C-alpha atoms as a PDB file:
ATOM      1  CA  UNK A   1      -4.368  31.315   3.268  1.00  0.00           C
ATOM      2  CA  UNK A   2      -7.370  29.528   1.740  1.00  0.00           C
ATOM      3  CA  UNK A   3      -7.479  25.733   1.499  1.00  0.00           C
ATOM      4  CA  UNK A   4      -7.095  25.788  -2.276  1.00  0.00           C
ATOM      5  CA  UNK A   5      -4.073  28.112  -2.028  1.00  0.00           C
ATOM      6  CA  UNK A   6      -2.317  25.723   0.380  1.00  0.00           C
ATOM      7  CA  UNK A   7      -2.996  22.765  -1.920  1.00  0.00           C
ATOM      8  CA  UNK A   8      -1.846  24.656  -5.035  1.00  0.00           C
ATOM      9  CA  UNK A   9       1.337  25.645  -3.171  1.00  0.00           C
ATOM     10  CA  UNK A  10       1.881  21.987  -2.188  1.00  0.00           C
ATOM     11  CA  UNK A  11       1.458  20.598  -5.706  1.00  0.00           C
ATOM     12  CA  UNK A  12       3.476  23.422  -7.264  1.00  0.00           C
ATOM     13  CA  UNK A  13       6.296  22.510  -4.864  1.00  0.00           C
ATOM     14  CA  UNK A  14       5.889  18.849  -5.869  1.00  0.00           C
ATOM     15  CA  UNK A  15       6.142  19.746  -9.547  1.00  0.00           C
ATOM     16  CA  UNK A  16       9.389  21.622  -8.773  1.00  0.00           C
ATOM     17  CA  UNK A  17      10.818  18.833  -6.594  1.00  0.00           C
ATOM     18  CA  UNK A  18      10.752  21.071  -3.494  1.00  0.00           C
ATOM     19  CA  UNK A  19      10.141  18.477  -0.784  1.00  0.00           C
ATOM     20  CA  UNK A  20      11.121  20.926   1.973  1.00  0.00           C
ATOM     21  CA  UNK A  21       8.285  23.303   1.104  1.00  0.00           C
ATOM     22  CA  UNK A  22       5.867  20.391   0.672  1.00  0.00           C
ATOM     23  CA  UNK A  23       6.753  19.001   4.076  1.00  0.00           C
ATOM     24  CA  UNK A  24       6.407  22.438   5.677  1.00  0.00           C
ATOM     25  CA  UNK A  25       2.782  22.548   4.498  1.00  0.00           C
ATOM     26  CA  UNK A  26       1.837  19.435   6.501  1.00  0.00           C
ATOM     27  CA  UNK A  27       0.485  19.634  10.034  1.00  0.00           C
ATOM     28  CA  UNK A  28       2.610  17.631  12.494  1.00  0.00           C
ATOM     29  CA  UNK A  29      -0.589  15.621  13.103  1.00  0.00           C
ATOM     30  CA  UNK A  30      -1.297  14.918   9.419  1.00  0.00           C
ATOM     31  CA  UNK A  31      -3.171  11.735   8.545  1.00  0.00           C
ATOM     32  CA  UNK A  32      -1.791  10.452   5.227  1.00  0.00           C
ATOM     33  CA  UNK A  33      -2.759   7.352   3.289  1.00  0.00           C
ATOM     34  CA  UNK A  34      -2.174   5.976  -0.172  1.00  0.00           C
ATOM     35  CA  UNK A  35      -2.719   2.854  -2.232  1.00  0.00           C
ATOM     36  CA  UNK A  36       0.696   1.285  -1.514  1.00  0.00           C
ATOM     37  CA  UNK A  37       1.676   2.368   1.993  1.00  0.00           C
ATOM     38  CA  UNK A  38      -1.686   2.668   3.657  1.00  0.00           C
ATOM     39  CA  UNK A  39      -1.453   5.059   6.608  1.00  0.00           C
ATOM     40  CA  UNK A  40       1.671   7.104   7.324  1.00  0.00           C
ATOM     41  CA  UNK A  41       2.490   9.577  10.092  1.00  0.00           C
ATOM     42  CA  UNK A  42       4.168  12.983   9.693  1.00  0.00           C
ATOM     43  CA  UNK A  43       7.724  11.646   9.927  1.00  0.00           C
ATOM     44  CA  UNK A  44       7.052   8.861   7.447  1.00  0.00           C
ATOM     45  CA  UNK A  45       5.305  10.985   4.817  1.00  0.00           C
ATOM     46  CA  UNK A  46       7.818  13.824   4.978  1.00  0.00           C
ATOM     47  CA  UNK A  47      10.676  11.347   4.621  1.00  0.00           C
ATOM     48  CA  UNK A  48       8.817   9.600   1.794  1.00  0.00           C
ATOM     49  CA  UNK A  49       8.554  12.835  -0.218  1.00  0.00           C
ATOM     50  CA  UNK A  50      12.228  13.596   0.438  1.00  0.00           C
ATOM     51  CA  UNK A  51      13.218  10.093  -0.683  1.00  0.00           C
ATOM     52  CA  UNK A  52      11.020  10.123  -3.796  1.00  0.00           C
ATOM     53  CA  UNK A  53      12.150  13.538  -4.955  1.00  0.00           C
ATOM     54  CA  UNK A  54      15.867  13.149  -4.208  1.00  0.00           C
ATOM     55  CA  UNK A  55      16.023   9.688  -5.809  1.00  0.00           C
ATOM     56  CA  UNK A  56      13.905  10.736  -8.815  1.00  0.00           C
ATOM     57  CA  UNK A  57      15.165  14.177  -9.874  1.00  0.00           C
ATOM     58  CA  UNK A  58      13.347  13.824 -13.209  1.00  0.00           C
ATOM     59  CA  UNK A  59       9.996  13.108 -11.548  1.00  0.00           C
ATOM     60  CA  UNK A  60       7.295  15.354 -12.962  1.00  0.00           C
ATOM     61  CA  UNK A  61       3.832  16.141 -11.692  1.00  0.00           C
ATOM     62  CA  UNK A  62       1.037  17.981 -13.452  1.00  0.00           C
ATOM     63  CA  UNK A  63      -2.077  18.757 -11.454  1.00  0.00           C
ATOM     64  CA  UNK A  64      -5.570  20.162 -11.694  1.00  0.00           C
ATOM     65  CA  UNK A  65      -7.881  21.149  -8.846  1.00  0.00           C
ATOM     66  CA  UNK A  66     -11.147  19.288  -9.460  1.00  0.00           C
ATOM     67  CA  UNK A  67     -13.023  20.258  -6.294  1.00  0.00           C
ATOM     68  CA  UNK A  68     -12.550  23.189  -3.947  1.00  0.00           C
ATOM     69  CA  UNK A  69     -14.091  23.749  -0.525  1.00  0.00           C
ATOM     70  CA  UNK A  70     -13.634  22.185   2.898  1.00  0.00           C
ATOM     71  CA  UNK A  71     -12.071  19.258   1.051  1.00  0.00           C
ATOM     72  CA  UNK A  72      -9.839  19.937  -1.949  1.00  0.00           C
ATOM     73  CA  UNK A  73      -9.555  17.245  -4.619  1.00  0.00           C
ATOM     74  CA  UNK A  74      -6.686  17.184  -7.063  1.00  0.00           C
ATOM     75  CA  UNK A  75      -6.284  15.046 -10.164  1.00  0.00           C
ATOM     76  CA  UNK A  76      -2.608  14.748 -10.979  1.00  0.00           C
ATOM     77  CA  UNK A  77      -0.266  12.779 -13.163  1.00  0.00           C
ATOM     78  CA  UNK A  78       3.150  11.723 -11.920  1.00  0.00           C
ATOM     79  CA  UNK A  79       5.808  10.574 -14.362  1.00  0.00           C
ATOM     80  CA  UNK A  80       8.833   8.858 -12.836  1.00  0.00           C
ATOM     81  CA  UNK A  81      11.301   6.012 -13.231  1.00  0.00           C
ATOM     82  CA  UNK A  82      10.989   2.892 -11.105  1.00  0.00           C
ATOM     83  CA  UNK A  83      13.428   0.246  -9.942  1.00  0.00           C
ATOM     84  CA  UNK A  84      16.786  -0.909 -11.212  1.00  0.00           C
ATOM     85  CA  UNK A  85      15.489  -1.088 -14.776  1.00  0.00           C
ATOM     86  CA  UNK A  86      14.315   2.536 -14.548  1.00  0.00           C
ATOM     87  CA  UNK A  87      10.950   1.710 -16.078  1.00  0.00           C
ATOM     88  CA  UNK A  88       8.881   4.747 -16.953  1.00  0.00           C
ATOM     89  CA  UNK A  89       5.718   4.958 -14.863  1.00  0.00           C
ATOM     90  CA  UNK A  90       2.853   7.313 -15.633  1.00  0.00           C
ATOM     91  CA  UNK A  91       0.539   7.359 -12.656  1.00  0.00           C
ATOM     92  CA  UNK A  92      -2.893   9.003 -12.540  1.00  0.00           C
ATOM     93  CA  UNK A  93      -3.623   9.934  -8.937  1.00  0.00           C
ATOM     94  CA  UNK A  94      -6.641  11.411  -7.204  1.00  0.00           C
ATOM     95  CA  UNK A  95      -5.675  13.275  -4.035  1.00  0.00           C
ATOM     96  CA  UNK A  96      -8.149  14.355  -1.395  1.00  0.00           C
ATOM     97  CA  UNK A  97      -6.813  16.924   1.063  1.00  0.00           C
ATOM     98  CA  UNK A  98      -8.159  18.742   4.091  1.00  0.00           C
ATOM     99  CA  UNK A  99      -6.537  21.923   5.356  1.00  0.00           C
ATOM    100  CA  UNK A 100      -6.800  23.664   8.726  1.00  0.00           C
ATOM    101  CA  UNK A 101      -5.014  26.848   9.801  1.00  0.00           C
ATOM    102  CA  UNK A 102      -2.881  26.836   6.654  1.00  0.00           C
ATOM    103  CA  UNK A 103      -1.617  23.256   7.110  1.00  0.00           C
ATOM    104  CA  UNK A 104      -2.621  19.989   5.457  1.00  0.00           C
ATOM    105  CA  UNK A 105      -4.242  17.794   8.111  1.00  0.00           C
ATOM    106  CA  UNK A 106      -5.481  14.944   5.886  1.00  0.00           C
ATOM    107  CA  UNK A 107      -4.057  13.690   2.602  1.00  0.00           C
ATOM    108  CA  UNK A 108      -5.254  10.622   0.739  1.00  0.00           C
ATOM    109  CA  UNK A 109      -3.774   9.519  -2.597  1.00  0.00           C
ATOM    110  CA  UNK A 110      -5.600   6.901  -4.642  1.00  0.00           C
ATOM    111  CA  UNK A 111      -4.424   5.248  -7.856  1.00  0.00           C
ATOM    112  CA  UNK A 112      -4.908   2.023  -9.787  1.00  0.00           C
ATOM    113  CA  UNK A 113      -2.385  -0.381  -8.231  1.00  0.00           C
ATOM    114  CA  UNK A 114      -2.574  -2.898 -11.067  1.00  0.00           C
ATOM    115  CA  UNK A 115      -1.776  -0.232 -13.688  1.00  0.00           C
ATOM    116  CA  UNK A 116       1.130   0.949 -11.564  1.00  0.00           C
ATOM    117  CA  UNK A 117       2.405  -2.620 -11.084  1.00  0.00           C
ATOM    118  CA  UNK A 118       2.254  -3.350 -14.818  1.00  0.00           C
ATOM    119  CA  UNK A 119       4.294  -0.256 -15.658  1.00  0.00           C
ATOM    120  CA  UNK A 120       6.736  -0.520 -12.755  1.00  0.00           C
ATOM    121  CA  UNK A 121       7.309  -4.274 -12.769  1.00  0.00           C
ATOM    122  CA  UNK A 122       6.423  -5.404 -16.282  1.00  0.00           C
ATOM    123  CA  UNK A 123       4.841  -8.797 -16.921  1.00  0.00           C
ATOM    124  CA  UNK A 124       5.076  -9.862 -13.259  1.00  0.00           C
ATOM    125  CA  UNK A 125       3.174  -6.742 -12.182  1.00  0.00           C
ATOM    126  CA  UNK A 126       0.574  -7.302 -14.883  1.00  0.00           C
ATOM    127  CA  UNK A 127       0.055 -10.930 -13.844  1.00  0.00           C
ATOM    128  CA  UNK A 128       0.047 -10.421 -10.071  1.00  0.00           C
ATOM    129  CA  UNK A 129      -1.151  -6.815  -9.693  1.00  0.00           C
ATOM    130  CA  UNK A 130      -4.669  -7.718  -8.594  1.00  0.00           C
ATOM    131  CA  UNK A 131      -3.599 -10.271  -5.952  1.00  0.00           C
ATOM    132  CA  UNK A 132      -3.705  -9.079  -2.333  1.00  0.00           C
ATOM    133  CA  UNK A 133      -0.631 -11.134  -1.400  1.00  0.00           C
ATOM    134  CA  UNK A 134       1.344  -9.314  -4.112  1.00  0.00           C
ATOM    135  CA  UNK A 135       0.086  -5.920  -2.892  1.00  0.00           C
ATOM    136  CA  UNK A 136       1.132  -6.859   0.647  1.00  0.00           C
ATOM    137  CA  UNK A 137       4.610  -7.830  -0.567  1.00  0.00           C
ATOM    138  CA  UNK A 138       5.009  -4.531  -2.424  1.00  0.00           C
ATOM    139  CA  UNK A 139       3.839  -2.645   0.679  1.00  0.00           C
ATOM    140  CA  UNK A 140       6.351  -4.520   2.833  1.00  0.00           C
ATOM    141  CA  UNK A 141       9.194  -3.779   0.399  1.00  0.00           C
ATOM    142  CA  UNK A 142       8.156  -0.120   0.197  1.00  0.00           C
ATOM    143  CA  UNK A 143       8.266   0.181   3.994  1.00  0.00           C
ATOM    144  CA  UNK A 144      11.677  -1.499   4.102  1.00  0.00           C
ATOM    145  CA  UNK A 145      12.993   1.033   1.587  1.00  0.00           C
ATOM    146  CA  UNK A 146      11.446   3.984   3.437  1.00  0.00           C
ATOM    147  CA  UNK A 147      12.748   2.799   6.818  1.00  0.00           C
ATOM    148  CA  UNK A 148      16.230   2.255   5.341  1.00  0.00           C
ATOM    149  CA  UNK A 149      16.157   5.810   3.998  1.00  0.00           C
ATOM    150  CA  UNK A 150      15.108   7.173   7.402  1.00  0.00           C
ATOM    151  CA  UNK A 151      17.777   5.096   9.204  1.00  0.00           C
ATOM    152  CA  UNK A 152      20.519   6.217   6.791  1.00  0.00           C
ATOM    153  CA  UNK A 153      19.472   9.837   7.184  1.00  0.00           C
ATOM    154  CA  UNK A 154      19.491   9.574  10.986  1.00  0.00           C
ATOM    155  CA  UNK A 155      22.902   7.846  10.940  1.00  0.00           C
ATOM    156  CA  UNK A 156      24.251  10.591   8.710  1.00  0.00           C
ATOM    157  CA  UNK A 157      22.879  13.271  11.036  1.00  0.00           C
ATOM    158  CA  UNK A 158      24.337  11.501  14.082  1.00  0.00           C
ATOM    159  CA  UNK A 159      27.699  11.222  12.331  1.00  0.00           C
ATOM    160  CA  UNK A 160      27.596  14.914  11.524  1.00  0.00           C
ATOM    161  CA  UNK A 161      26.817  15.792  15.152  1.00  0.00           C
ATOM    162  CA  UNK A 162      29.578  13.460  16.416  1.00  0.00           C
ATOM    163  CA  UNK A 163      32.055  15.036  13.998  1.00  0.00           C
ATOM    164  CA  UNK A 164      31.137  18.551  15.149  1.00  0.00           C
ATOM    165  CA  UNK A 165      31.347  17.493  18.812  1.00  0.00           C
ATOM    166  CA  UNK A 166      34.769  15.932  18.244  1.00  0.00           C
ATOM    167  CA  UNK A 167      35.958  19.066  16.456  1.00  0.00           C
ATOM    168  CA  UNK A 168      34.662  21.276  19.280  1.00  0.00           C
ATOM    169  CA  UNK A 169      36.328  19.073  21.922  1.00  0.00           C
ATOM    170  CA  UNK A 170      39.630  19.234  20.033  1.00  0.00           C
ATOM    171  CA  UNK A 171      39.433  23.026  19.884  1.00  0.00           C
ATOM    172  CA  UNK A 172      38.632  23.206  23.613  1.00  0.00           C
ATOM    173  CA  UNK A 173      41.657  21.044  24.453  1.00  0.00           C
ATOM    174  CA  UNK A 174      44.015  23.465  22.678  1.00  0.00           C
END
């Protein structure tokens, strides 16, 4: 599969909310970075997509390939709701991706943080969006949310395994 085909498949899956397919297109050694989180590893980025798409079922993404070759660049627009007030956020993102052996090995998303902050957080975001201390606070809160999602998912999986083990032990005792 050509680099462009992998990237089109990834963004088509994003536009359909198919985080499983998206995550399957990443190399286990992927290097991901974006404006809010900075650098993420495979586990973090795959959980981030799962969290974003399961918590935002109305999220939409329209994309256009703007450069094709060794590096594929994609201009895309994400529309989603943010926070408890469910503020509508329209985010213009430039993604730069590198593909090897049919898997995404590098993925960088860049967007205007201040524009995002204004839409997502209202007047506070507009006033503080260009301050590094504010960006750091948002990053910290984003990591807390992502780590809570990962922890809850792992607890749920452990509970499921414990339940199955208990059920199996009960059947063996009979």
